[in-house]
Amino acid sequence: MKKRDPVVIVVVAVVIALMLFFGIRKAHRAPVAELGPATSGSPAKSRPAPDFSLQSLDGKTLRLSDFKGKAVLLNFWATWCEPCKIEMPWFVDLQNKYGAQGLQVLGVAMDDSDKKDIAKFVKDMGVNYPVAIGKEAVGNDYGGVQFLPETFFIDRAGRVQDKVFGLKGKGEIEDSIKKILASQGEAAQAAK
């Protein structure tokens, strides 16, 4: 039987570990290009966010277009999603911190719970931002919501600038919020 060189085994193990690390990292930051059907000639980083019309928990119609000019953090979640329960208090804090600067957090509940159960969950979590009852068609417009949570960062011009699925750190979420809030400055500079 031939004995394997321990250096070769270590090198192979390191290569496999690096492939796993970068594969998982890439999977957590899916490219914006995967968002729905592309419009001809639209660059991935400035794809318009699909508008939607959903019923909010208070019975009103909630449309993304109602928030034109605001930076929007659009979060698809579910009551049974454990990572969603971790990040929701962060969204409450970030809405408080950046709301006056033009941030609007929007939640879209993508589970089978009834409206009453979702409303109780939202109240218990202390959510301070609008929450709508999701529809599969809206999820499909956003490239198919396959994992929860799934979060889209939409700039003030209504373009998706980033898409993240799974739980990210609060600092990373805040960095993405700062980028979409700064989009007003970039739009103003381009107009000059």
C-alpha atoms as a PDB file:
ATOM      1  CA  MET A   1       0.000   0.000   0.000  1.00  0.00           C
ATOM      2  CA  LYS A   2       1.311   3.407  -0.980  1.00  0.00           C
ATOM      3  CA  LYS A   3       1.681   5.964   1.820  1.00  0.00           C
ATOM      4  CA  ARG A   4       0.274   9.436   1.099  1.00  0.00           C
ATOM      5  CA  ASP A   5       2.456  12.480   1.588  1.00  0.00           C
ATOM      6  CA  PRO A   6       1.008  14.470   4.555  1.00  0.00           C
ATOM      7  CA  VAL A   7       1.839  17.766   2.802  1.00  0.00           C
ATOM      8  CA  VAL A   8      -0.361  16.792  -0.171  1.00  0.00           C
ATOM      9  CA  ILE A   9      -3.220  15.912   2.178  1.00  0.00           C
ATOM     10  CA  VAL A  10      -2.921  19.269   3.969  1.00  0.00           C
ATOM     11  CA  VAL A  11      -2.808  21.184   0.670  1.00  0.00           C
ATOM     12  CA  VAL A  12      -5.900  19.369  -0.631  1.00  0.00           C
ATOM     13  CA  ALA A  13      -7.737  20.040   2.655  1.00  0.00           C
ATOM     14  CA  VAL A  14      -6.865  23.763   2.504  1.00  0.00           C
ATOM     15  CA  VAL A  15      -8.018  24.023  -1.115  1.00  0.00           C
ATOM     16  CA  ILE A  16     -11.324  22.327  -0.275  1.00  0.00           C
ATOM     17  CA  ALA A  17     -11.807  24.586   2.761  1.00  0.00           C
ATOM     18  CA  LEU A  18     -11.173  27.706   0.658  1.00  0.00           C
ATOM     19  CA  MET A  19     -13.587  26.516  -2.029  1.00  0.00           C
ATOM     20  CA  LEU A  20     -16.275  25.956   0.608  1.00  0.00           C
ATOM     21  CA  PHE A  21     -15.630  29.334   2.241  1.00  0.00           C
ATOM     22  CA  PHE A  22     -15.843  31.317  -1.004  1.00  0.00           C
ATOM     23  CA  GLY A  23     -18.764  29.246  -2.289  1.00  0.00           C
ATOM     24  CA  ILE A  24     -20.814  29.914   0.836  1.00  0.00           C
ATOM     25  CA  ARG A  25     -19.830  33.597   0.826  1.00  0.00           C
ATOM     26  CA  LYS A  26     -20.850  33.950  -2.823  1.00  0.00           C
ATOM     27  CA  ALA A  27     -24.144  32.173  -2.131  1.00  0.00           C
ATOM     28  CA  HIS A  28     -24.964  34.614   0.674  1.00  0.00           C
ATOM     29  CA  ARG A  29     -24.427  37.602  -1.604  1.00  0.00           C
ATOM     30  CA  ALA A  30     -26.305  36.611  -4.714  1.00  0.00           C
ATOM     31  CA  PRO A  31     -25.710  38.935  -7.641  1.00  0.00           C
ATOM     32  CA  VAL A  32     -28.388  41.499  -8.333  1.00  0.00           C
ATOM     33  CA  ALA A  33     -28.465  40.171 -11.912  1.00  0.00           C
ATOM     34  CA  GLU A  34     -30.522  37.215 -10.666  1.00  0.00           C
ATOM     35  CA  LEU A  35     -33.412  39.568  -9.909  1.00  0.00           C
ATOM     36  CA  GLY A  36     -36.328  38.732 -12.168  1.00  0.00           C
ATOM     37  CA  PRO A  37     -36.226  39.039 -15.927  1.00  0.00           C
ATOM     38  CA  ALA A  38     -33.686  41.545 -17.163  1.00  0.00           C
ATOM     39  CA  THR A  39     -34.794  44.519 -19.156  1.00  0.00           C
ATOM     40  CA  SER A  40     -32.843  45.072 -22.326  1.00  0.00           C
ATOM     41  CA  GLY A  41     -29.653  47.006 -21.708  1.00  0.00           C
ATOM     42  CA  SER A  42     -30.211  47.537 -17.978  1.00  0.00           C
ATOM     43  CA  PRO A  43     -27.053  47.015 -15.948  1.00  0.00           C
ATOM     44  CA  ALA A  44     -27.404  44.589 -13.047  1.00  0.00           C
ATOM     45  CA  LYS A  45     -26.519  47.194 -10.438  1.00  0.00           C
ATOM     46  CA  SER A  46     -29.304  49.545 -11.514  1.00  0.00           C
ATOM     47  CA  ARG A  47     -32.154  47.181 -12.252  1.00  0.00           C
ATOM     48  CA  PRO A  48     -35.467  48.804 -11.328  1.00  0.00           C
ATOM     49  CA  ALA A  49     -37.125  47.182  -8.339  1.00  0.00           C
ATOM     50  CA  PRO A  50     -40.403  45.552  -9.385  1.00  0.00           C
ATOM     51  CA  ASP A  51     -43.384  47.462  -8.013  1.00  0.00           C
ATOM     52  CA  PHE A  52     -46.002  45.505  -6.125  1.00  0.00           C
ATOM     53  CA  SER A  53     -49.379  45.960  -4.540  1.00  0.00           C
ATOM     54  CA  LEU A  54     -49.911  43.995  -1.318  1.00  0.00           C
ATOM     55  CA  GLN A  55     -52.296  44.231   1.603  1.00  0.00           C
ATOM     56  CA  SER A  56     -50.664  45.575   4.750  1.00  0.00           C
ATOM     57  CA  LEU A  57     -51.524  44.301   8.208  1.00  0.00           C
ATOM     58  CA  ASP A  58     -53.707  47.367   8.782  1.00  0.00           C
ATOM     59  CA  GLY A  59     -55.781  46.529   5.681  1.00  0.00           C
ATOM     60  CA  LYS A  60     -54.352  49.220   3.421  1.00  0.00           C
ATOM     61  CA  THR A  61     -52.767  48.643   0.030  1.00  0.00           C
ATOM     62  CA  LEU A  62     -48.984  48.880   0.219  1.00  0.00           C
ATOM     63  CA  ARG A  63     -47.050  49.651  -2.967  1.00  0.00           C
ATOM     64  CA  LEU A  64     -43.317  49.982  -3.345  1.00  0.00           C
ATOM     65  CA  SER A  65     -43.960  53.021  -5.569  1.00  0.00           C
ATOM     66  CA  ASP A  66     -45.527  54.772  -2.538  1.00  0.00           C
ATOM     67  CA  PHE A  67     -41.989  55.162  -1.209  1.00  0.00           C
ATOM     68  CA  LYS A  68     -40.454  56.831  -4.266  1.00  0.00           C
ATOM     69  CA  GLY A  69     -37.519  59.002  -3.252  1.00  0.00           C
ATOM     70  CA  LYS A  70     -36.806  56.942  -0.146  1.00  0.00           C
ATOM     71  CA  ALA A  71     -34.103  54.351   0.347  1.00  0.00           C
ATOM     72  CA  VAL A  72     -35.934  51.067   0.959  1.00  0.00           C
ATOM     73  CA  LEU A  73     -34.842  47.941   2.778  1.00  0.00           C
ATOM     74  CA  LEU A  74     -37.298  45.317   1.497  1.00  0.00           C
ATOM     75  CA  ASN A  75     -37.255  42.211   3.685  1.00  0.00           C
ATOM     76  CA  PHE A  76     -39.027  38.939   2.851  1.00  0.00           C
ATOM     77  CA  TRP A  77     -39.510  36.908   6.043  1.00  0.00           C
ATOM     78  CA  ALA A  78     -41.758  34.394   7.826  1.00  0.00           C
ATOM     79  CA  THR A  79     -42.970  33.866  11.379  1.00  0.00           C
ATOM     80  CA  TRP A  80     -41.287  30.434  11.550  1.00  0.00           C
ATOM     81  CA  CYS A  81     -37.908  31.743  10.318  1.00  0.00           C
ATOM     82  CA  GLU A  82     -35.392  31.812  13.187  1.00  0.00           C
ATOM     83  CA  PRO A  83     -32.843  34.098  11.424  1.00  0.00           C
ATOM     84  CA  CYS A  84     -35.735  36.501  10.687  1.00  0.00           C
ATOM     85  CA  LYS A  85     -36.411  36.741  14.427  1.00  0.00           C
ATOM     86  CA  ILE A  86     -32.787  37.742  14.984  1.00  0.00           C
ATOM     87  CA  GLU A  87     -32.660  40.493  12.371  1.00  0.00           C
ATOM     88  CA  MET A  88     -36.105  42.056  12.919  1.00  0.00           C
ATOM     89  CA  PRO A  89     -35.027  43.939  16.083  1.00  0.00           C
ATOM     90  CA  TRP A  90     -32.050  45.251  14.081  1.00  0.00           C
ATOM     91  CA  PHE A  91     -34.440  46.555  11.420  1.00  0.00           C
ATOM     92  CA  VAL A  92     -36.461  48.281  14.161  1.00  0.00           C
ATOM     93  CA  ASP A  93     -33.281  49.980  15.432  1.00  0.00           C
ATOM     94  CA  LEU A  94     -32.124  50.900  11.931  1.00  0.00           C
ATOM     95  CA  GLN A  95     -35.550  52.327  11.032  1.00  0.00           C
ATOM     96  CA  ASN A  96     -35.335  54.506  14.163  1.00  0.00           C
ATOM     97  CA  LYS A  97     -31.759  55.549  13.404  1.00  0.00           C
ATOM     98  CA  TYR A  98     -32.091  56.284   9.656  1.00  0.00           C
ATOM     99  CA  GLY A  99     -35.802  56.942   9.126  1.00  0.00           C
ATOM    100  CA  ALA A 100     -35.373  60.705   9.365  1.00  0.00           C
ATOM    101  CA  GLN A 101     -32.669  60.475   6.669  1.00  0.00           C
ATOM    102  CA  GLY A 102     -35.064  58.777   4.249  1.00  0.00           C
ATOM    103  CA  LEU A 103     -34.839  55.054   5.043  1.00  0.00           C
ATOM    104  CA  GLN A 104     -38.000  52.974   4.906  1.00  0.00           C
ATOM    105  CA  VAL A 105     -37.902  49.369   6.032  1.00  0.00           C
ATOM    106  CA  LEU A 106     -40.692  47.256   4.506  1.00  0.00           C
ATOM    107  CA  GLY A 107     -41.471  43.721   5.607  1.00  0.00           C
ATOM    108  CA  VAL A 108     -43.224  41.109   3.469  1.00  0.00           C
ATOM    109  CA  ALA A 109     -44.489  38.053   5.370  1.00  0.00           C
ATOM    110  CA  MET A 110     -44.075  34.974   3.140  1.00  0.00           C
ATOM    111  CA  ASP A 111     -45.641  32.246   5.233  1.00  0.00           C
ATOM    112  CA  ASP A 112     -48.975  30.477   5.525  1.00  0.00           C
ATOM    113  CA  SER A 113     -49.930  31.939   8.892  1.00  0.00           C
ATOM    114  CA  ASP A 114     -53.138  33.914   8.910  1.00  0.00           C
ATOM    115  CA  LYS A 115     -53.152  37.699   9.108  1.00  0.00           C
ATOM    116  CA  LYS A 116     -54.106  37.668  12.823  1.00  0.00           C
ATOM    117  CA  ASP A 117     -51.115  35.446  13.740  1.00  0.00           C
ATOM    118  CA  ILE A 118     -48.740  37.557  11.659  1.00  0.00           C
ATOM    119  CA  ALA A 119     -50.053  40.755  13.289  1.00  0.00           C
ATOM    120  CA  LYS A 120     -49.531  39.257  16.768  1.00  0.00           C
ATOM    121  CA  PHE A 121     -45.999  38.169  15.828  1.00  0.00           C
ATOM    122  CA  VAL A 122     -45.193  41.656  14.476  1.00  0.00           C
ATOM    123  CA  LYS A 123     -46.579  43.304  17.627  1.00  0.00           C
ATOM    124  CA  ASP A 124     -44.627  40.939  19.894  1.00  0.00           C
ATOM    125  CA  MET A 125     -41.430  41.738  17.944  1.00  0.00           C
ATOM    126  CA  GLY A 126     -42.020  45.500  18.352  1.00  0.00           C
ATOM    127  CA  VAL A 127     -41.911  46.114  14.596  1.00  0.00           C
ATOM    128  CA  ASN A 128     -42.109  49.836  13.763  1.00  0.00           C
ATOM    129  CA  TYR A 129     -42.297  49.585   9.977  1.00  0.00           C
ATOM    130  CA  PRO A 130     -45.009  48.518   7.510  1.00  0.00           C
ATOM    131  CA  VAL A 131     -45.566  44.806   7.005  1.00  0.00           C
ATOM    132  CA  ALA A 132     -47.510  43.321   4.105  1.00  0.00           C
ATOM    133  CA  ILE A 133     -48.877  39.862   3.449  1.00  0.00           C
ATOM    134  CA  GLY A 134     -46.734  38.381   0.679  1.00  0.00           C
ATOM    135  CA  LYS A 135     -47.789  36.669  -2.504  1.00  0.00           C
ATOM    136  CA  GLU A 136     -45.760  34.153  -4.473  1.00  0.00           C
ATOM    137  CA  ALA A 137     -46.070  36.327  -7.602  1.00  0.00           C
ATOM    138  CA  VAL A 138     -44.292  39.202  -5.837  1.00  0.00           C
ATOM    139  CA  GLY A 139     -41.543  36.845  -4.689  1.00  0.00           C
ATOM    140  CA  ASN A 140     -41.187  35.633  -8.274  1.00  0.00           C
ATOM    141  CA  ASP A 141     -40.864  39.232  -9.485  1.00  0.00           C
ATOM    142  CA  TYR A 142     -37.851  39.491  -7.186  1.00  0.00           C
ATOM    143  CA  GLY A 143     -36.182  36.430  -8.666  1.00  0.00           C
ATOM    144  CA  GLY A 144     -37.997  33.826  -6.590  1.00  0.00           C
ATOM    145  CA  VAL A 145     -37.727  33.973  -2.821  1.00  0.00           C
ATOM    146  CA  GLN A 146     -36.067  30.620  -2.181  1.00  0.00           C
ATOM    147  CA  PHE A 147     -34.522  31.301   1.210  1.00  0.00           C
ATOM    148  CA  LEU A 148     -35.661  33.371   4.159  1.00  0.00           C
ATOM    149  CA  PRO A 149     -34.815  35.951   5.129  1.00  0.00           C
ATOM    150  CA  GLU A 150     -34.150  37.613   1.803  1.00  0.00           C
ATOM    151  CA  THR A 151     -33.405  41.332   1.764  1.00  0.00           C
ATOM    152  CA  PHE A 152     -33.200  43.839  -1.075  1.00  0.00           C
ATOM    153  CA  PHE A 153     -31.590  47.261  -0.758  1.00  0.00           C
ATOM    154  CA  ILE A 154     -33.344  49.704  -3.099  1.00  0.00           C
ATOM    155  CA  ASP A 155     -31.902  53.167  -3.697  1.00  0.00           C
ATOM    156  CA  ARG A 156     -33.863  56.421  -3.844  1.00  0.00           C
ATOM    157  CA  ALA A 157     -34.221  56.099  -7.603  1.00  0.00           C
ATOM    158  CA  GLY A 158     -35.993  52.747  -7.198  1.00  0.00           C
ATOM    159  CA  ARG A 159     -33.068  50.569  -8.298  1.00  0.00           C
ATOM    160  CA  VAL A 160     -32.009  47.390  -6.507  1.00  0.00           C
ATOM    161  CA  GLN A 161     -28.428  47.927  -5.389  1.00  0.00           C
ATOM    162  CA  ASP A 162     -27.902  44.774  -3.355  1.00  0.00           C
ATOM    163  CA  LYS A 163     -29.599  41.471  -2.561  1.00  0.00           C
ATOM    164  CA  VAL A 164     -28.767  39.338   0.457  1.00  0.00           C
ATOM    165  CA  PHE A 165     -30.305  36.076   1.523  1.00  0.00           C
ATOM    166  CA  GLY A 166     -29.812  34.516   4.898  1.00  0.00           C
ATOM    167  CA  LEU A 167     -28.729  36.211   8.082  1.00  0.00           C
ATOM    168  CA  LYS A 168     -26.069  38.904   7.800  1.00  0.00           C
ATOM    169  CA  GLY A 169     -24.472  40.910  10.566  1.00  0.00           C
ATOM    170  CA  LYS A 170     -26.107  44.158  11.648  1.00  0.00           C
ATOM    171  CA  GLY A 171     -22.979  46.067  10.606  1.00  0.00           C
ATOM    172  CA  GLU A 172     -23.159  44.713   7.046  1.00  0.00           C
ATOM    173  CA  ILE A 173     -26.843  45.595   6.835  1.00  0.00           C
ATOM    174  CA  GLU A 174     -26.111  49.100   8.109  1.00  0.00           C
ATOM    175  CA  ASP A 175     -23.325  49.542   5.531  1.00  0.00           C
ATOM    176  CA  SER A 176     -25.761  48.629   2.740  1.00  0.00           C
ATOM    177  CA  ILE A 177     -28.311  51.086   4.165  1.00  0.00           C
ATOM    178  CA  LYS A 178     -25.719  53.876   4.133  1.00  0.00           C
ATOM    179  CA  LYS A 179     -25.024  53.153   0.453  1.00  0.00           C
ATOM    180  CA  ILE A 180     -28.669  53.381  -0.593  1.00  0.00           C
ATOM    181  CA  LEU A 181     -29.175  56.508   1.536  1.00  0.00           C
ATOM    182  CA  ALA A 182     -26.226  58.108  -0.264  1.00  0.00           C
ATOM    183  CA  SER A 183     -27.927  57.509  -3.607  1.00  0.00           C
ATOM    184  CA  GLN A 184     -29.647  60.914  -3.322  1.00  0.00           C
ATOM    185  CA  GLY A 185     -26.244  62.598  -3.288  1.00  0.00           C
ATOM    186  CA  GLU A 186     -25.192  60.655  -6.387  1.00  0.00           C
ATOM    187  CA  ALA A 187     -28.425  61.557  -8.190  1.00  0.00           C
ATOM    188  CA  ALA A 188     -28.001  65.234  -7.286  1.00  0.00           C
ATOM    189  CA  GLN A 189     -24.392  65.198  -8.530  1.00  0.00           C
ATOM    190  CA  ALA A 190     -25.433  63.587 -11.831  1.00  0.00           C
ATOM    191  CA  ALA A 191     -28.100  66.277 -12.343  1.00  0.00           C
ATOM    192  CA  LYS A 192     -25.531  69.111 -12.054  1.00  0.00           C
END
